[in-house]
Amino acid sequence: MPLYLYNIKLKNMKSNQKNQMLVKVLFFFILISSSFRGVSQMTAGDIVGKYVVPSKDGAIQIYENEGKYFGKIILNKDPEKLDVNNPEKEKQKQKVLGLTILNGFKFDGDDTWESGTIYDPKNGKTYSCKITRLENGDLNIRGFIGVSLLGRTETFTKIANKDK
């Protein structure tokens, strides 16, 4: 219906009807505008940064390399600790500090990084993994065997960037 016909229709309406119509139109615009307010589109690089591990005795740094995301241990309670549980004998003499434990994650276009693995130096095992970024910047990292339902999720706390 052309706009000038709405104007003619409004002129023929009673005051009460005009008020009701105006309320409906305002409500519609408020509803539409508020639905866009909370939407924040994440980008693949939003995961990059430093995070405190759940046990609070270390930290990891997540970085990008050729479109995939990795994470290495940058702080450890015992900086001299060796990767003694690694199934590869030659790697058992390397330090846990500096070890890459998150490997090969790809951004799914929403809020999750998938198709990666996580290595647990406490038991020497590698698990399938997905990472979900929370609104506050923290990460839910879920390691699992087979399907995601059979796994464990831990929250890594984002370390504030003092440069911002």
C-alpha atoms as a PDB file:
ATOM      1  CA  MET A   1       0.000   0.000   0.000  1.00  0.00           C
ATOM      2  CA  PRO A   2       1.522   3.352  -1.013  1.00  0.00           C
ATOM      3  CA  LEU A   3       2.500   5.766   1.752  1.00  0.00           C
ATOM      4  CA  TYR A   4      -0.046   8.445   0.732  1.00  0.00           C
ATOM      5  CA  LEU A   5      -2.864   5.938   1.271  1.00  0.00           C
ATOM      6  CA  TYR A   6      -1.679   5.424   4.881  1.00  0.00           C
ATOM      7  CA  ASN A   7      -1.831   9.182   5.348  1.00  0.00           C
ATOM      8  CA  ILE A   8      -5.429   9.284   4.041  1.00  0.00           C
ATOM      9  CA  LYS A   9      -6.314   6.323   6.270  1.00  0.00           C
ATOM     10  CA  LEU A  10      -4.831   8.104   9.314  1.00  0.00           C
ATOM     11  CA  LYS A  11      -6.886  11.253   8.608  1.00  0.00           C
ATOM     12  CA  ASN A  12     -10.086   9.217   8.605  1.00  0.00           C
ATOM     13  CA  MET A  13      -9.256   7.452  11.911  1.00  0.00           C
ATOM     14  CA  LYS A  14     -10.479   8.595  15.294  1.00  0.00           C
ATOM     15  CA  SER A  15      -7.948   9.879  17.802  1.00  0.00           C
ATOM     16  CA  ASN A  16      -8.060   6.691  19.919  1.00  0.00           C
ATOM     17  CA  GLN A  17      -7.461   4.524  16.842  1.00  0.00           C
ATOM     18  CA  LYS A  18      -4.509   6.736  15.823  1.00  0.00           C
ATOM     19  CA  ASN A  19      -2.954   6.338  19.268  1.00  0.00           C
ATOM     20  CA  GLN A  20      -3.341   2.556  19.132  1.00  0.00           C
ATOM     21  CA  MET A  21      -1.802   2.460  15.648  1.00  0.00           C
ATOM     22  CA  LEU A  22       1.086   4.679  16.780  1.00  0.00           C
ATOM     23  CA  VAL A  23       1.758   2.437  19.805  1.00  0.00           C
ATOM     24  CA  LYS A  24       1.823  -0.640  17.558  1.00  0.00           C
ATOM     25  CA  VAL A  25       4.248   0.982  15.116  1.00  0.00           C
ATOM     26  CA  LEU A  26       6.548   2.178  17.919  1.00  0.00           C
ATOM     27  CA  PHE A  27       6.461  -1.233  19.575  1.00  0.00           C
ATOM     28  CA  PHE A  28       7.402  -2.865  16.253  1.00  0.00           C
ATOM     29  CA  PHE A  29      10.405  -0.540  15.752  1.00  0.00           C
ATOM     30  CA  ILE A  30      11.583  -0.988  19.349  1.00  0.00           C
ATOM     31  CA  LEU A  31      11.340  -4.753  18.975  1.00  0.00           C
ATOM     32  CA  ILE A  32      13.308  -4.744  15.726  1.00  0.00           C
ATOM     33  CA  SER A  33      16.015  -2.357  16.958  1.00  0.00           C
ATOM     34  CA  SER A  34      16.509  -4.182  20.263  1.00  0.00           C
ATOM     35  CA  SER A  35      17.000  -7.495  18.484  1.00  0.00           C
ATOM     36  CA  PHE A  36      20.135  -6.082  16.830  1.00  0.00           C
ATOM     37  CA  ARG A  37      21.576  -4.467  19.962  1.00  0.00           C
ATOM     38  CA  GLY A  38      22.985  -7.649  21.560  1.00  0.00           C
ATOM     39  CA  VAL A  39      24.340  -9.154  18.366  1.00  0.00           C
ATOM     40  CA  SER A  40      28.093  -9.074  18.130  1.00  0.00           C
ATOM     41  CA  GLN A  41      29.708 -10.915  15.298  1.00  0.00           C
ATOM     42  CA  MET A  42      32.850 -12.734  16.360  1.00  0.00           C
ATOM     43  CA  THR A  43      35.829 -13.032  14.083  1.00  0.00           C
ATOM     44  CA  ALA A  44      38.328 -15.868  13.897  1.00  0.00           C
ATOM     45  CA  GLY A  45      41.030 -13.773  15.575  1.00  0.00           C
ATOM     46  CA  ASP A  46      38.932 -13.068  18.676  1.00  0.00           C
ATOM     47  CA  ILE A  47      40.397 -16.192  20.287  1.00  0.00           C
ATOM     48  CA  VAL A  48      43.980 -14.894  20.112  1.00  0.00           C
ATOM     49  CA  GLY A  49      45.363 -13.948  23.521  1.00  0.00           C
ATOM     50  CA  LYS A  50      46.539 -15.184  26.892  1.00  0.00           C
ATOM     51  CA  TYR A  51      44.436 -17.243  29.299  1.00  0.00           C
ATOM     52  CA  VAL A  52      44.819 -18.525  32.854  1.00  0.00           C
ATOM     53  CA  VAL A  53      44.268 -22.285  33.117  1.00  0.00           C
ATOM     54  CA  PRO A  54      41.409 -23.521  35.358  1.00  0.00           C
ATOM     55  CA  SER A  55      43.798 -24.683  38.124  1.00  0.00           C
ATOM     56  CA  LYS A  56      45.183 -21.098  38.263  1.00  0.00           C
ATOM     57  CA  ASP A  57      48.787 -22.396  38.306  1.00  0.00           C
ATOM     58  CA  GLY A  58      49.636 -21.624  34.685  1.00  0.00           C
ATOM     59  CA  ALA A  59      48.680 -19.834  31.500  1.00  0.00           C
ATOM     60  CA  ILE A  60      48.466 -20.475  27.780  1.00  0.00           C
ATOM     61  CA  GLN A  61      48.783 -18.221  24.764  1.00  0.00           C
ATOM     62  CA  ILE A  62      46.601 -18.816  21.714  1.00  0.00           C
ATOM     63  CA  TYR A  63      47.966 -17.677  18.373  1.00  0.00           C
ATOM     64  CA  GLU A  64      47.155 -17.993  14.669  1.00  0.00           C
ATOM     65  CA  ASN A  65      49.346 -19.722  12.097  1.00  0.00           C
ATOM     66  CA  GLU A  66      48.244 -20.063   8.451  1.00  0.00           C
ATOM     67  CA  GLY A  67      44.535 -19.745   9.286  1.00  0.00           C
ATOM     68  CA  LYS A  68      44.561 -22.263  12.141  1.00  0.00           C
ATOM     69  CA  TYR A  69      44.785 -21.636  15.869  1.00  0.00           C
ATOM     70  CA  PHE A  70      47.221 -23.121  18.373  1.00  0.00           C
ATOM     71  CA  GLY A  71      47.922 -22.713  22.069  1.00  0.00           C
ATOM     72  CA  LYS A  72      51.133 -23.098  24.017  1.00  0.00           C
ATOM     73  CA  ILE A  73      51.966 -23.086  27.715  1.00  0.00           C
ATOM     74  CA  ILE A  74      53.569 -19.743  28.625  1.00  0.00           C
ATOM     75  CA  LEU A  75      53.445 -19.989  32.423  1.00  0.00           C
ATOM     76  CA  ASN A  76      53.783 -23.042  34.612  1.00  0.00           C
ATOM     77  CA  LYS A  77      54.023 -23.423  38.384  1.00  0.00           C
ATOM     78  CA  ASP A  78      57.156 -25.547  37.877  1.00  0.00           C
ATOM     79  CA  PRO A  79      59.029 -24.090  34.872  1.00  0.00           C
ATOM     80  CA  GLU A  80      61.514 -27.001  34.909  1.00  0.00           C
ATOM     81  CA  LYS A  81      58.840 -29.726  34.740  1.00  0.00           C
ATOM     82  CA  LEU A  82      59.400 -32.232  31.929  1.00  0.00           C
ATOM     83  CA  ASP A  83      56.776 -33.864  29.708  1.00  0.00           C
ATOM     84  CA  VAL A  84      57.410 -37.265  31.340  1.00  0.00           C
ATOM     85  CA  ASN A  85      54.003 -38.718  30.379  1.00  0.00           C
ATOM     86  CA  ASN A  86      54.436 -38.124  26.637  1.00  0.00           C
ATOM     87  CA  PRO A  87      53.963 -41.421  24.756  1.00  0.00           C
ATOM     88  CA  GLU A  88      56.891 -40.487  22.485  1.00  0.00           C
ATOM     89  CA  LYS A  89      60.040 -41.291  24.496  1.00  0.00           C
ATOM     90  CA  GLU A  90      62.189 -38.610  22.802  1.00  0.00           C
ATOM     91  CA  LYS A  91      59.679 -35.906  23.859  1.00  0.00           C
ATOM     92  CA  GLN A  92      59.727 -36.915  27.536  1.00  0.00           C
ATOM     93  CA  LYS A  93      62.865 -34.813  28.040  1.00  0.00           C
ATOM     94  CA  GLN A  94      61.312 -31.586  26.790  1.00  0.00           C
ATOM     95  CA  LYS A  95      59.944 -29.003  29.195  1.00  0.00           C
ATOM     96  CA  VAL A  96      56.196 -28.525  29.563  1.00  0.00           C
ATOM     97  CA  LEU A  97      56.771 -24.751  29.517  1.00  0.00           C
ATOM     98  CA  GLY A  98      56.556 -23.692  25.873  1.00  0.00           C
ATOM     99  CA  LEU A  99      54.765 -26.895  24.850  1.00  0.00           C
ATOM    100  CA  THR A 100      52.016 -26.527  22.235  1.00  0.00           C
ATOM    101  CA  ILE A 101      48.934 -28.218  23.689  1.00  0.00           C
ATOM    102  CA  LEU A 102      46.160 -26.840  21.412  1.00  0.00           C
ATOM    103  CA  ASN A 103      46.578 -27.777  17.754  1.00  0.00           C
ATOM    104  CA  GLY A 104      44.910 -26.977  14.440  1.00  0.00           C
ATOM    105  CA  PHE A 105      41.635 -25.256  15.332  1.00  0.00           C
ATOM    106  CA  LYS A 106      39.414 -23.729  12.637  1.00  0.00           C
ATOM    107  CA  PHE A 107      36.826 -21.006  13.244  1.00  0.00           C
ATOM    108  CA  ASP A 108      33.255 -22.110  12.471  1.00  0.00           C
ATOM    109  CA  GLY A 109      32.020 -18.580  11.664  1.00  0.00           C
ATOM    110  CA  ASP A 110      30.012 -18.204  14.875  1.00  0.00           C
ATOM    111  CA  ASP A 111      31.596 -18.550  18.335  1.00  0.00           C
ATOM    112  CA  THR A 112      33.346 -21.933  18.135  1.00  0.00           C
ATOM    113  CA  TRP A 113      36.728 -23.167  16.967  1.00  0.00           C
ATOM    114  CA  GLU A 114      36.645 -26.840  15.952  1.00  0.00           C
ATOM    115  CA  SER A 115      38.578 -29.690  14.335  1.00  0.00           C
ATOM    116  CA  GLY A 116      41.492 -29.322  16.728  1.00  0.00           C
ATOM    117  CA  THR A 117      43.129 -31.394  19.427  1.00  0.00           C
ATOM    118  CA  ILE A 118      44.283 -30.808  22.978  1.00  0.00           C
ATOM    119  CA  TYR A 119      47.256 -32.531  24.558  1.00  0.00           C
ATOM    120  CA  ASP A 120      47.145 -33.120  28.327  1.00  0.00           C
ATOM    121  CA  PRO A 121      50.698 -33.257  29.702  1.00  0.00           C
ATOM    122  CA  LYS A 122      49.379 -34.625  33.013  1.00  0.00           C
ATOM    123  CA  ASN A 123      48.502 -37.960  31.394  1.00  0.00           C
ATOM    124  CA  GLY A 124      50.221 -37.790  27.989  1.00  0.00           C
ATOM    125  CA  LYS A 125      46.973 -38.182  26.050  1.00  0.00           C
ATOM    126  CA  THR A 126      45.634 -36.193  23.106  1.00  0.00           C
ATOM    127  CA  TYR A 127      41.902 -35.575  22.728  1.00  0.00           C
ATOM    128  CA  SER A 128      39.605 -34.155  20.063  1.00  0.00           C
ATOM    129  CA  CYS A 129      38.643 -30.670  21.118  1.00  0.00           C
ATOM    130  CA  LYS A 130      36.460 -27.671  20.466  1.00  0.00           C
ATOM    131  CA  ILE A 131      36.722 -24.185  21.893  1.00  0.00           C
ATOM    132  CA  THR A 132      33.805 -21.839  22.529  1.00  0.00           C
ATOM    133  CA  ARG A 133      34.407 -18.172  23.296  1.00  0.00           C
ATOM    134  CA  LEU A 134      32.094 -16.716  25.924  1.00  0.00           C
ATOM    135  CA  GLU A 135      30.729 -13.161  25.810  1.00  0.00           C
ATOM    136  CA  ASN A 136      33.186 -12.032  28.512  1.00  0.00           C
ATOM    137  CA  GLY A 137      36.159 -13.306  26.462  1.00  0.00           C
ATOM    138  CA  ASP A 138      36.805 -16.473  28.493  1.00  0.00           C
ATOM    139  CA  LEU A 139      37.024 -19.825  26.724  1.00  0.00           C
ATOM    140  CA  ASN A 140      35.196 -23.078  27.303  1.00  0.00           C
ATOM    141  CA  ILE A 141      37.604 -25.748  26.103  1.00  0.00           C
ATOM    142  CA  ARG A 142      36.040 -29.181  25.684  1.00  0.00           C
ATOM    143  CA  GLY A 143      38.219 -32.248  25.243  1.00  0.00           C
ATOM    144  CA  PHE A 144      36.528 -35.451  24.177  1.00  0.00           C
ATOM    145  CA  ILE A 145      36.949 -38.915  22.717  1.00  0.00           C
ATOM    146  CA  GLY A 146      34.770 -39.614  19.687  1.00  0.00           C
ATOM    147  CA  VAL A 147      31.687 -37.445  20.168  1.00  0.00           C
ATOM    148  CA  SER A 148      31.575 -34.161  22.049  1.00  0.00           C
ATOM    149  CA  LEU A 149      28.998 -35.526  24.501  1.00  0.00           C
ATOM    150  CA  LEU A 150      31.668 -37.802  26.007  1.00  0.00           C
ATOM    151  CA  GLY A 151      34.110 -35.280  27.351  1.00  0.00           C
ATOM    152  CA  ARG A 152      34.998 -32.600  29.851  1.00  0.00           C
ATOM    153  CA  THR A 153      34.777 -28.821  29.586  1.00  0.00           C
ATOM    154  CA  GLU A 154      37.014 -26.411  31.470  1.00  0.00           C
ATOM    155  CA  THR A 155      36.923 -22.625  31.453  1.00  0.00           C
ATOM    156  CA  PHE A 156      40.116 -20.691  30.711  1.00  0.00           C
ATOM    157  CA  THR A 157      40.036 -17.086  31.931  1.00  0.00           C
ATOM    158  CA  LYS A 158      41.093 -14.318  29.554  1.00  0.00           C
ATOM    159  CA  ILE A 159      43.992 -12.194  30.790  1.00  0.00           C
ATOM    160  CA  ALA A 160      43.138  -8.522  30.225  1.00  0.00           C
ATOM    161  CA  ASN A 161      45.226  -6.819  27.578  1.00  0.00           C
ATOM    162  CA  LYS A 162      46.769  -3.746  29.233  1.00  0.00           C
ATOM    163  CA  ASP A 163      47.433  -2.133  25.820  1.00  0.00           C
ATOM    164  CA  LYS A 164      43.732  -1.412  25.264  1.00  0.00           C
END
